[in-house]
Protein backbone atom coordinates (compact mmCIF):
# COMPACT_ATOMS: atom_id res chain seq x y z
CA MET A 1 -12.22 -17.34 10.03
CA LYS A 2 -13.47 -15.61 6.83
CA PRO A 3 -11.22 -15.58 3.79
CA ARG A 4 -8.74 -12.78 3.42
CA ALA A 5 -9.91 -9.84 1.42
CA THR A 6 -8.07 -8.85 -1.75
CA ARG A 7 -7.42 -5.66 -3.58
CA ALA A 8 -10.67 -6.04 -5.36
CA ASP A 9 -12.49 -5.56 -2.04
CA TYR A 10 -11.20 -1.95 -1.78
CA ALA A 11 -12.15 1.11 -3.74
CA TRP A 12 -9.33 3.67 -3.22
CA PHE A 13 -5.52 3.21 -2.86
CA CYS A 14 -2.49 5.12 -1.80
CA ASP A 15 1.17 4.17 -1.48
CA MET A 16 2.97 4.45 1.85
CA PRO A 17 6.75 4.08 2.34
CA THR A 18 8.29 1.83 4.93
CA ARG A 19 11.19 3.38 6.75
CA TRP A 20 14.18 1.75 8.41
CA MET A 21 12.95 2.95 11.76
CA ASP A 22 9.58 1.10 11.28
CA ASN A 23 11.06 -2.30 11.86
CA ASP A 24 11.07 -3.59 15.39
CA VAL A 25 13.37 -6.03 17.13
CA TYR A 26 11.51 -8.91 15.42
CA GLY A 27 12.45 -7.67 12.01
CA HIS A 28 9.04 -6.49 10.82
CA VAL A 29 7.03 -3.28 10.84
CA ASN A 30 5.75 -2.56 14.37
CA ASN A 31 1.98 -2.54 14.96
CA VAL A 32 1.86 1.21 15.76
CA ILE A 33 3.02 1.98 12.19
CA TYR A 34 -0.07 0.32 10.75
CA TYR A 35 -2.30 2.67 12.67
CA SER A 36 -0.29 5.57 11.40
CA TRP A 37 -0.71 4.30 7.78
CA PHE A 38 -4.48 3.94 8.28
CA ASP A 39 -4.81 7.39 9.76
CA THR A 40 -2.72 8.95 6.99
CA ALA A 41 -4.74 7.07 4.29
CA VAL A 42 -8.04 8.33 5.66
CA ALA A 43 -6.69 11.90 5.70
CA ARG A 44 -5.43 11.63 2.18
CA PHE A 45 -8.77 10.15 1.06
CA LEU A 46 -10.64 13.06 2.52
CA LEU A 47 -8.23 15.52 0.84
CA ASP A 48 -8.62 13.70 -2.50
CA LEU A 49 -12.45 14.04 -2.15
CA GLY A 50 -11.99 17.79 -1.53
CA VAL A 51 -14.05 17.61 1.68
CA VAL A 52 -11.45 19.00 4.16
CA GLU A 53 -12.17 22.59 5.05
CA GLY A 54 -9.43 23.02 7.60
CA PRO A 55 -9.79 25.41 10.50
CA ALA A 56 -12.85 27.06 8.97
CA ALA A 57 -15.05 23.96 9.08
CA PRO A 58 -18.00 24.19 11.36
CA GLU A 59 -17.85 20.40 11.96
CA ILE A 60 -14.95 18.03 12.27
CA GLY A 61 -14.51 14.25 12.25
CA VAL A 62 -13.05 12.78 15.36
CA VAL A 63 -11.77 9.24 15.59
CA VAL A 64 -13.87 7.21 17.95
CA GLU A 65 -12.74 3.62 17.08
CA THR A 66 -9.89 1.88 15.19
CA GLN A 67 -8.99 -1.74 14.83
CA CYS A 68 -6.31 -3.64 13.07
CA ARG A 69 -5.89 -7.41 12.50
CA TYR A 70 -2.43 -8.55 11.44
CA LEU A 71 -2.28 -11.37 9.00
CA GLY A 72 1.29 -11.36 7.64
CA PRO A 73 4.50 -9.35 8.09
CA ILE A 74 5.69 -6.34 6.28
CA ALA A 75 9.17 -5.13 6.70
CA PHE A 76 11.53 -2.25 5.53
CA PRO A 77 12.22 -1.85 2.54
CA ASP A 78 8.86 -3.37 1.36
CA ALA A 79 6.60 -1.20 -0.80
CA VAL A 80 3.13 -0.83 0.87
CA THR A 81 -0.19 0.12 -0.55
CA ILE A 82 -3.12 1.02 1.67
CA GLY A 83 -6.58 0.11 0.40
CA LEU A 84 -9.67 1.98 1.65
CA ARG A 85 -13.40 1.38 1.26
CA VAL A 86 -16.39 3.16 2.79
CA GLU A 87 -18.19 0.45 4.79
CA ARG A 88 -20.96 2.49 6.26
CA ILE A 89 -22.28 5.99 6.12
CA GLY A 90 -24.45 6.83 9.04
CA THR A 91 -26.25 9.99 10.21
CA THR A 92 -23.28 11.31 12.22
CA SER A 93 -20.54 8.82 11.50
CA ILE A 94 -18.65 7.15 8.70
CA ARG A 95 -16.77 3.82 8.88
CA TYR A 96 -13.77 3.10 6.65
CA GLY A 97 -12.39 -0.29 6.01
CA VAL A 98 -8.59 -0.14 5.53
CA ALA A 99 -5.99 -2.72 4.52
CA ALA A 100 -2.26 -2.92 4.06
CA PHE A 101 -0.82 -4.80 1.01
CA ARG A 102 2.80 -5.62 0.51
CA GLY A 103 4.10 -4.74 -2.90
CA ASP A 104 1.85 -5.94 -5.74
CA GLU A 105 0.47 -8.86 -3.73
CA PRO A 106 -3.33 -9.35 -4.19
CA THR A 107 -3.99 -10.40 -0.61
CA LEU A 108 -3.72 -8.11 2.35
CA ARG A 109 -1.26 -8.27 5.20
CA ALA A 110 -3.37 -6.36 7.69
CA GLU A 111 -6.93 -5.18 7.81
CA GLY A 112 -8.94 -2.96 10.07
CA HIS A 113 -11.43 -0.20 10.34
CA PHE A 114 -11.46 3.50 11.26
CA VAL A 115 -14.52 5.31 12.42
CA HIS A 116 -15.08 9.10 12.39
CA VAL A 117 -17.95 10.79 14.27
CA TYR A 118 -18.72 14.32 13.26
CA VAL A 119 -19.04 16.98 15.92
CA ALA A 120 -19.40 20.75 16.01
CA ARG A 121 -15.88 22.23 16.07
CA ASP A 122 -16.74 24.67 18.96
CA ARG A 123 -18.64 22.08 20.93
CA GLN A 124 -17.14 18.61 20.55
CA ASP A 125 -19.42 16.68 22.97
CA GLN A 126 -22.42 16.45 20.66
CA PRO A 127 -22.50 14.58 17.32
CA VAL A 128 -23.81 16.49 14.25
CA PRO A 129 -24.95 15.25 10.85
CA LEU A 130 -22.23 14.34 8.39
CA PRO A 131 -21.39 17.15 5.96
CA GLU A 132 -23.48 16.63 2.82
CA LEU A 133 -20.52 17.04 0.54
CA LEU A 134 -18.63 14.20 2.41
CA ARG A 135 -21.78 11.98 2.26
CA SER A 136 -22.30 12.40 -1.49
CA ARG A 137 -18.67 12.04 -2.49
CA ALA A 138 -17.82 9.13 -0.10
CA ALA A 139 -20.87 7.19 -1.33
CA ARG A 140 -19.02 6.38 -4.53
CA TYR A 141 -16.51 4.34 -2.46
CA ILE A 142 -18.98 2.06 -0.64
CA LYS A 143 -17.95 -1.57 -0.53
CA PRO A 144 -19.40 -3.33 2.52
CA ALA A 145 -17.15 -5.65 4.45
């Protein structure tokens, strides 16, 4: 197994709260919450980049793949930081690496990826090229896995 990534391996960060209801019967945050954190972090990243056009956008990013590998527990009331990096910018897709960190710890507790494929809003069965604004702004956050 490769060594765990650290905060230095990620390029953009946002804080996520833990909630009482996030804990499961085993006393740690349930796996589905990590996927919610990752999805929210990608959305916040795109908003921070200023590339979300909302309902007027001719193309939209649809999630085609996600993955999470759990390496250590997080539990309410831990503070959580989600790290994000752009791992690959393709012709019609973009892959984000995402990680969950507990508090100020340098090593991650969970890591994964999140892939968007861009499609025409009115016909979502055919990929289209990534919006140029997304491509140029996201390129600043490339850190291959």
